[in-house]
Amino acid sequence: VQLQASGGGLVQPGGSLTLSCAPSGSHYRVRSMAWYRQAPGKQRELVALIDDGTNTEYVRSVKGRFTISRDNAKNTVYLRMNSLQPEDTGVYFCNTMTGTLPWGQGTQVTVSS
C-alpha cells in the first residue's frame, strides 16, 4: 500500500493549510492513523493521531492549532493546520500510529514570510 500525502505548500506565518492522506493502489482502509513531520536536520516526529473512533491526541507544540480527522467514506485522513509558524516547516507524512506501513514521499510544508 502507498500512502499519498498532499496539500502542502508555502504559507506565511499565521496562515493555514489542510493536508490529505489516502492510500493508493490497494483496498487498505484507513483507521487508526497519524501524521508525522520531519523538520530539516531533525528526526521524524509524530504530531497528531486518531484512533479507530474519534479520539485524537497531539504533540504539545501543535495542540490547539492542528486538527486531525478522518472521512471513512472517502477513506482519507486530514490534518487541518492553523496559525502556522516557521517551526512547523517540514515534510509531513501519514502512517499508522506505529508507523508500520511503507513511508510515502510526504508533502512539504514551508512557513515563511
Protein backbone atom coordinates (compact mmCIF):
# COMPACT_ATOMS: atom_id res chain seq x y z
CA VAL A 1 0.00 0.00 0.00
CA GLN A 2 1.18 3.53 -0.78
CA LEU A 3 0.04 6.40 1.39
CA GLN A 4 -0.23 9.58 -0.62
CA ALA A 5 0.05 12.81 1.36
CA SER A 6 -0.87 16.06 -0.35
CA GLY A 7 -1.85 19.65 0.33
CA GLY A 8 1.45 21.12 1.42
CA GLY A 9 2.88 24.38 0.19
CA LEU A 10 4.38 27.72 1.10
CA VAL A 11 2.39 29.76 3.59
CA GLN A 12 3.07 32.88 5.63
CA PRO A 13 3.20 32.75 9.42
CA GLY A 14 -0.30 32.73 10.81
CA GLY A 15 -1.67 31.03 7.72
CA SER A 16 -3.48 27.72 7.34
CA LEU A 17 -3.20 24.55 5.31
CA THR A 18 -5.13 21.31 5.12
CA LEU A 19 -3.22 18.13 4.35
CA SER A 20 -4.84 14.99 2.99
CA CYS A 21 -3.71 11.38 3.07
CA ALA A 22 -5.22 8.48 1.20
CA PRO A 23 -3.95 5.03 0.23
CA SER A 24 -3.43 4.27 -3.43
CA GLY A 25 -3.17 1.01 -5.28
CA SER A 26 -4.83 -1.10 -2.64
CA HIS A 27 -8.02 -1.73 -0.69
CA TYR A 28 -6.41 -0.62 2.55
CA ARG A 29 -8.88 1.10 4.85
CA VAL A 30 -7.53 3.92 6.97
CA ARG A 31 -8.46 3.56 10.63
CA SER A 32 -6.02 4.40 13.42
CA MET A 33 -3.73 6.85 11.71
CA ALA A 34 -1.21 9.53 12.48
CA TRP A 35 0.53 12.49 10.94
CA TYR A 36 4.26 12.85 11.31
CA ARG A 37 6.64 15.59 10.31
CA GLN A 38 10.35 15.80 9.71
CA ALA A 39 11.91 19.21 10.07
CA PRO A 40 15.21 19.95 8.34
CA GLY A 41 18.04 18.26 10.20
CA LYS A 42 15.72 16.60 12.71
CA GLN A 43 14.20 13.19 13.23
CA ARG A 44 10.67 12.42 12.17
CA GLU A 45 8.18 13.06 14.96
CA LEU A 46 4.54 12.15 15.46
CA VAL A 47 2.41 15.29 15.68
CA ALA A 48 -1.19 14.02 15.70
CA LEU A 49 -3.07 10.74 15.83
CA ILE A 50 -6.63 9.49 15.62
CA ASP A 51 -7.84 6.10 16.80
CA ASP A 52 -10.48 3.83 15.30
CA GLY A 53 -13.15 6.14 16.65
CA THR A 54 -12.79 9.87 17.11
CA ASN A 55 -10.24 10.09 19.90
CA THR A 56 -7.30 12.28 18.98
CA GLU A 57 -4.00 13.24 20.52
CA TYR A 58 -1.47 15.92 19.65
CA VAL A 59 2.09 16.79 20.46
CA ARG A 60 2.14 19.80 22.74
CA SER A 61 3.62 22.15 20.16
CA VAL A 62 0.60 21.84 17.84
CA LYS A 63 -2.22 21.35 20.36
CA GLY A 64 -4.96 23.90 19.78
CA ARG A 65 -3.69 24.71 16.28
CA PHE A 66 -3.84 21.40 14.40
CA THR A 67 -6.84 19.12 13.97
CA ILE A 68 -6.66 15.54 12.70
CA SER A 69 -9.79 13.97 11.24
CA ARG A 70 -10.85 11.03 9.13
CA ASP A 71 -13.54 10.67 6.47
CA ASN A 72 -14.40 6.99 6.33
CA ALA A 73 -16.49 7.39 3.18
CA LYS A 74 -13.56 8.96 1.34
CA ASN A 75 -11.01 6.71 3.07
CA THR A 76 -8.95 9.81 3.76
CA VAL A 77 -7.24 11.31 6.77
CA TYR A 78 -6.80 15.07 7.09
CA LEU A 79 -4.67 17.46 9.08
CA ARG A 80 -6.01 20.96 9.38
CA MET A 81 -3.21 23.31 10.41
CA ASN A 82 -3.99 26.80 11.66
CA SER A 83 -1.78 29.59 12.99
CA LEU A 84 1.22 28.07 11.26
CA GLN A 85 4.64 29.10 12.49
CA PRO A 86 8.10 28.79 10.93
CA GLU A 87 8.87 25.91 13.30
CA ASP A 88 6.06 23.93 11.63
CA THR A 89 8.16 23.76 8.47
CA GLY A 90 8.98 20.25 7.35
CA VAL A 91 7.87 17.27 5.33
CA TYR A 92 4.60 15.83 6.58
CA PHE A 93 3.83 12.13 6.31
CA CYS A 94 0.90 9.96 7.25
CA ASN A 95 1.10 6.40 8.51
CA THR A 96 -0.42 4.16 11.13
CA MET A 97 0.03 5.13 14.76
CA THR A 98 3.03 2.82 14.92
CA GLY A 99 4.44 3.64 11.50
CA THR A 100 4.03 0.13 10.16
CA LEU A 101 3.25 0.93 6.53
CA PRO A 102 5.82 1.94 3.91
CA TRP A 103 6.60 5.63 4.16
CA GLY A 104 5.49 7.72 1.24
CA GLN A 105 7.24 10.83 -0.02
CA GLY A 106 5.24 13.12 2.21
CA THR A 107 4.23 16.67 1.43
CA GLN A 108 6.40 19.72 2.04
CA VAL A 109 5.10 22.49 4.28
CA THR A 110 7.11 25.69 4.38
CA VAL A 111 6.11 28.51 6.69
CA SER A 112 7.98 31.67 5.83
CA SER A 113 7.40 35.34 5.23
